[in-house]
Amino acid sequence: MAARTKTGALRTLALTLALGLALAGCAGAPQAVELPEGHAPLPADASAATPSAGAAELNVSELSVASGISMAARLGFDKARVISGTELTDLKKAPEDTLGGVAVLPTQCADVIESLNWSPVQMGAEGARTDFLTEKIPATGSVEVAKITDKSALEAHYATVLAMLTECKKVTLHQETETVPFTTEKPVLKDGDADSAILWTRGRQGQGMRQQALVLIKAKGDYVGMVSFIAADGLNAPEFSQMAAQVLDAALTQAR
């Protein structure tokens, strides 16, 4: 849903600890560092607040995503793929008819589930996203940051998540002869970790439609960040919520 991932080749992450410190605004001796392929080079003292000549081509959203990816790298995710060009343009378009003929019970939850297919860049202005993973952890993550140009759309998504956690907490999906449960829960987080958070599970273990997604969203200043994980199972482990919160916090150090 909101944690959609893109297929394609993965590029090795070229982030260093120095980059993580720089993007978090920590002091240090200037030295050249690299971002994943597709980003402009960024010196160690660059930040969204005081961009240098080397960072001139990167906007706040791109810097924020890079900061989040730096934290993901420090947490052990050593591969990443920048979503850009046509892929990013397509991501800005809200998907249509994602249920694809699947019947939802209770019926009033169908539109709510459809509305889960939201991401910050759908507001249409400045935005960036990078996906990340490692072979050691069976889950794919993503960090996305965008400028808030439509606060009502953001609030509407918060309302969608709340509806999924309350009146649509337990839903049944019917596709041909298969019946699939769709359940949601609020992940365990510390106060202030996220403005909106949801963990949803589709299908039982062993079913073809089995999937889990963990999504955290938080706004700061004129920007909103979203960090998500998607996997077949296991996202209810508290470690995933903690990692998502850390990546989101790192990304939003750049927002203002």
Protein backbone atom coordinates (compact mmCIF):
# COMPACT_ATOMS: atom_id res chain seq x y z
CA MET A 1 0.00 0.00 0.00
CA ALA A 2 1.77 3.19 1.12
CA ALA A 3 4.94 1.18 1.36
CA ARG A 4 5.09 0.26 -2.28
CA THR A 5 8.53 -0.74 -3.52
CA LYS A 6 9.96 -0.49 -7.03
CA THR A 7 11.64 -3.36 -8.85
CA GLY A 8 14.98 -3.07 -10.57
CA ALA A 9 18.70 -3.33 -10.00
CA LEU A 10 20.04 -2.25 -6.64
CA ARG A 11 23.01 0.05 -6.43
CA THR A 12 25.57 -0.35 -3.66
CA LEU A 13 25.27 2.36 -1.04
CA ALA A 14 28.27 4.69 -0.99
CA LEU A 15 27.57 6.52 2.27
CA THR A 16 30.17 6.96 5.00
CA LEU A 17 29.93 7.71 8.69
CA ALA A 18 31.30 11.17 7.96
CA LEU A 19 28.28 11.87 5.76
CA GLY A 20 25.92 10.84 8.51
CA LEU A 21 27.59 13.23 10.93
CA ALA A 22 27.62 16.03 8.40
CA LEU A 23 23.98 15.71 7.45
CA ALA A 24 23.02 15.65 11.11
CA GLY A 25 24.74 18.98 11.50
CA CYS A 26 27.67 17.73 13.59
CA ALA A 27 30.99 19.54 13.44
CA GLY A 28 34.00 17.93 11.79
CA ALA A 29 36.91 18.58 9.50
CA PRO A 30 35.66 19.13 5.93
CA GLN A 31 36.29 16.18 3.65
CA ALA A 32 34.76 14.93 0.42
CA VAL A 33 32.09 12.27 0.80
CA GLU A 34 29.83 10.49 -1.66
CA LEU A 35 26.12 9.87 -1.85
CA PRO A 36 24.57 6.93 -3.72
CA GLU A 37 24.86 7.16 -7.47
CA GLY A 38 22.39 9.70 -8.81
CA HIS A 39 23.09 12.36 -6.16
CA ALA A 40 25.50 15.25 -6.54
CA PRO A 41 28.69 15.08 -4.43
CA LEU A 42 28.27 16.63 -1.00
CA PRO A 43 31.06 17.94 1.24
CA ALA A 44 31.08 16.97 4.90
CA ASP A 45 29.97 20.41 6.12
CA ALA A 46 26.90 20.66 3.87
CA SER A 47 23.42 21.03 5.32
CA ALA A 48 20.02 22.15 4.14
CA ALA A 49 20.27 25.25 6.32
CA THR A 50 23.66 26.37 4.94
CA PRO A 51 24.14 24.74 1.54
CA SER A 52 27.59 24.93 0.02
CA ALA A 53 28.47 25.07 -3.64
CA GLY A 54 28.79 21.28 -3.68
CA ALA A 55 25.26 20.89 -2.38
CA ALA A 56 23.69 23.55 -4.59
CA GLU A 57 22.00 21.00 -6.82
CA LEU A 58 20.34 19.18 -3.92
CA ASN A 59 17.07 20.45 -2.48
CA VAL A 60 15.91 20.01 1.12
CA SER A 61 14.01 16.82 0.32
CA GLU A 62 17.04 15.21 -1.33
CA LEU A 63 19.30 16.21 1.54
CA SER A 64 16.76 14.85 4.02
CA VAL A 65 16.50 11.50 2.23
CA ALA A 66 20.29 11.28 2.08
CA SER A 67 20.44 11.89 5.83
CA GLY A 68 17.89 9.12 6.43
CA ILE A 69 19.79 6.75 4.16
CA SER A 70 22.97 7.51 6.07
CA MET A 71 21.26 6.34 9.27
CA ALA A 72 19.94 3.24 7.47
CA ALA A 73 23.52 2.45 6.43
CA ARG A 74 24.69 2.78 10.03
CA LEU A 75 21.92 0.35 11.01
CA GLY A 76 23.31 -2.24 8.57
CA PHE A 77 21.39 -1.58 5.33
CA ASP A 78 24.22 -1.57 2.82
CA LYS A 79 22.33 -1.29 -0.46
CA ALA A 80 20.12 1.49 -1.74
CA ARG A 81 18.40 2.66 -4.90
CA VAL A 82 17.47 6.26 -5.62
CA ILE A 83 13.99 6.70 -7.06
CA SER A 84 14.26 9.40 -9.71
CA GLY A 85 13.18 10.44 -13.18
CA THR A 86 10.11 8.71 -14.58
CA GLU A 87 9.84 6.47 -11.54
CA LEU A 88 9.55 9.45 -9.20
CA THR A 89 7.09 11.13 -11.56
CA ASP A 90 4.92 8.00 -11.57
CA LEU A 91 5.08 7.84 -7.77
CA LYS A 92 3.54 11.31 -7.61
CA LYS A 93 0.38 9.95 -9.23
CA ALA A 94 -2.09 8.33 -6.87
CA PRO A 95 -2.66 4.71 -7.99
CA GLU A 96 -6.15 3.79 -9.14
CA ASP A 97 -8.17 0.62 -8.54
CA THR A 98 -5.41 -1.06 -6.55
CA LEU A 99 -7.85 -3.65 -5.20
CA GLY A 100 -8.27 -5.01 -8.72
CA GLY A 101 -11.68 -6.59 -8.29
CA VAL A 102 -11.07 -7.79 -4.73
CA ALA A 103 -14.23 -7.56 -2.61
CA VAL A 104 -13.83 -5.99 0.83
CA LEU A 105 -15.92 -6.71 3.90
CA PRO A 106 -17.11 -4.59 5.57
CA THR A 107 -17.74 -2.78 2.30
CA GLN A 108 -17.25 0.69 3.78
CA CYS A 109 -13.59 -0.18 4.36
CA ALA A 110 -12.84 -0.58 0.64
CA ASP A 111 -12.30 3.14 0.08
CA VAL A 112 -10.26 3.38 3.27
CA ILE A 113 -7.90 0.62 2.11
CA GLU A 114 -7.59 2.28 -1.31
CA SER A 115 -6.65 5.54 0.43
CA LEU A 116 -3.71 3.84 2.15
CA ASN A 117 -1.96 4.10 -1.22
CA TRP A 118 -0.60 7.55 -0.38
CA SER A 119 2.90 8.93 -0.19
CA PRO A 120 4.26 12.44 0.52
CA VAL A 121 5.38 13.11 -3.05
CA GLN A 122 1.76 12.89 -4.19
CA MET A 123 1.40 16.49 -3.00
CA GLY A 124 3.16 17.30 -6.25
CA ALA A 125 5.96 19.67 -5.27
CA GLU A 126 9.53 19.05 -4.15
CA GLY A 127 10.10 15.45 -3.06
CA ALA A 128 12.61 12.60 -3.01
CA ARG A 129 12.76 8.91 -2.17
CA THR A 130 15.37 6.18 -1.82
CA ASP A 131 14.81 2.48 -1.06
CA PHE A 132 17.25 0.48 1.06
CA LEU A 133 17.92 -3.12 2.07
CA THR A 134 20.50 -5.67 3.11
CA GLU A 135 20.77 -9.39 2.44
CA LYS A 136 20.93 -9.97 6.21
CA ILE A 137 17.39 -8.66 6.88
CA PRO A 138 14.38 -10.00 4.89
CA ALA A 139 12.70 -6.61 4.48
CA THR A 140 12.93 -3.63 2.13
CA GLY A 141 12.80 -0.12 3.52
CA SER A 142 12.25 3.29 2.00
CA VAL A 143 12.64 6.88 3.13
CA GLU A 144 10.68 9.62 1.42
CA VAL A 145 10.53 13.35 2.14
CA ALA A 146 8.42 16.02 0.44
CA LYS A 147 7.48 19.64 0.89
CA ILE A 148 4.00 20.11 2.35
CA THR A 149 1.96 21.91 -0.29
CA ASP A 150 -1.44 20.50 0.65
CA LYS A 151 -1.85 20.19 4.42
CA SER A 152 -5.43 18.97 3.98
CA ALA A 153 -4.15 15.98 1.98
CA LEU A 154 -1.71 15.13 4.76
CA GLU A 155 -4.42 15.43 7.41
CA ALA A 156 -6.72 13.29 5.26
CA HIS A 157 -4.10 10.53 5.20
CA TYR A 158 -3.72 10.73 8.97
CA ALA A 159 -7.50 10.26 9.15
CA THR A 160 -7.26 7.26 6.82
CA VAL A 161 -4.69 5.61 9.08
CA LEU A 162 -6.85 6.30 12.13
CA ALA A 163 -9.84 4.73 10.38
CA MET A 164 -7.78 1.65 9.54
CA LEU A 165 -6.75 1.36 13.19
CA THR A 166 -10.32 1.66 14.46
CA GLU A 167 -13.41 0.80 12.41
CA CYS A 168 -11.39 -1.09 9.75
CA LYS A 169 -8.99 -2.84 12.10
CA LYS A 170 -10.10 -6.28 10.89
CA VAL A 171 -11.12 -6.62 7.25
CA THR A 172 -11.71 -9.58 4.95
CA LEU A 173 -10.61 -9.59 1.31
CA HIS A 174 -12.34 -11.93 -1.16
CA GLN A 175 -10.64 -12.77 -4.45
CA GLU A 176 -12.25 -15.52 -6.51
CA THR A 177 -12.17 -18.56 -4.20
CA GLU A 178 -9.63 -17.20 -1.73
CA THR A 179 -10.47 -15.35 1.49
CA VAL A 180 -7.71 -13.21 2.92
CA PRO A 181 -7.66 -11.38 6.28
CA PHE A 182 -6.37 -7.81 6.40
CA THR A 183 -5.54 -6.55 9.89
CA THR A 184 -3.93 -3.42 11.27
CA GLU A 185 -2.29 -2.42 14.52
CA LYS A 186 -0.45 0.55 15.91
CA PRO A 187 3.28 -0.16 16.27
CA VAL A 188 4.92 0.41 19.64
CA LEU A 189 6.80 3.72 19.51
CA LYS A 190 8.10 6.35 21.88
CA ASP A 191 6.19 9.62 22.22
CA GLY A 192 7.14 11.96 19.39
CA ASP A 193 8.54 9.26 17.11
CA ALA A 194 5.77 9.73 14.52
CA ASP A 195 2.61 11.73 13.84
CA SER A 196 1.05 8.69 12.18
CA ALA A 197 2.05 5.03 12.34
CA ILE A 198 0.52 1.77 11.18
CA LEU A 199 1.48 -1.86 10.77
CA TRP A 200 -0.78 -3.81 8.46
CA THR A 201 -0.81 -7.51 7.66
CA ARG A 202 -2.48 -9.03 4.60
CA GLY A 203 -3.09 -12.76 4.44
CA ARG A 204 -2.17 -15.70 6.63
CA GLN A 205 1.26 -17.26 6.66
CA GLY A 206 1.67 -19.36 3.54
CA GLN A 207 -0.96 -17.50 1.50
CA GLY A 208 0.10 -16.03 -1.81
CA MET A 209 -1.13 -12.56 -0.84
CA ARG A 210 0.79 -12.58 2.46
CA GLN A 211 2.49 -9.25 3.10
CA GLN A 212 3.24 -6.85 5.94
CA ALA A 213 3.98 -3.13 5.88
CA LEU A 214 5.14 -0.77 8.60
CA VAL A 215 4.69 2.93 7.86
CA LEU A 216 5.76 5.92 9.99
CA ILE A 217 5.03 9.53 8.99
CA LYS A 218 6.07 12.75 10.68
CA ALA A 219 6.00 16.43 9.72
CA LYS A 220 8.55 19.07 10.64
CA GLY A 221 8.39 22.65 9.47
CA ASP A 222 7.41 22.75 5.81
CA TYR A 223 8.28 19.09 5.17
CA VAL A 224 6.92 15.64 5.89
CA GLY A 225 8.89 12.41 5.99
CA MET A 226 7.77 8.81 5.60
CA VAL A 227 9.79 5.71 6.43
CA SER A 228 8.39 2.28 5.65
CA PHE A 229 9.35 -1.35 5.66
CA ILE A 230 7.71 -4.07 3.61
CA ALA A 231 8.20 -7.82 4.08
CA ALA A 232 6.40 -11.14 4.04
CA ASP A 233 6.49 -11.37 7.82
CA GLY A 234 8.24 -10.29 11.00
CA LEU A 235 7.65 -6.53 10.95
CA ASN A 236 5.84 -6.68 14.30
CA ALA A 237 9.25 -7.16 15.95
CA PRO A 238 9.97 -3.95 17.91
CA GLU A 239 13.38 -3.62 16.25
CA PHE A 240 11.73 -2.58 12.98
CA SER A 241 9.73 0.20 14.62
CA GLN A 242 12.88 1.41 16.36
CA MET A 243 14.88 1.40 13.12
CA ALA A 244 12.12 3.19 11.22
CA ALA A 245 11.92 5.86 13.91
CA GLN A 246 15.70 6.38 13.82
CA VAL A 247 15.77 6.73 10.04
CA LEU A 248 12.81 9.13 10.11
CA ASP A 249 14.39 11.26 12.82
CA ALA A 250 17.66 11.43 10.89
CA ALA A 251 15.87 12.47 7.72
CA LEU A 252 13.95 15.26 9.43
CA THR A 253 17.11 16.85 10.87
CA GLN A 254 17.31 18.57 7.48
CA ALA A 255 13.72 19.87 7.46
CA ARG A 256 12.85 23.41 8.45
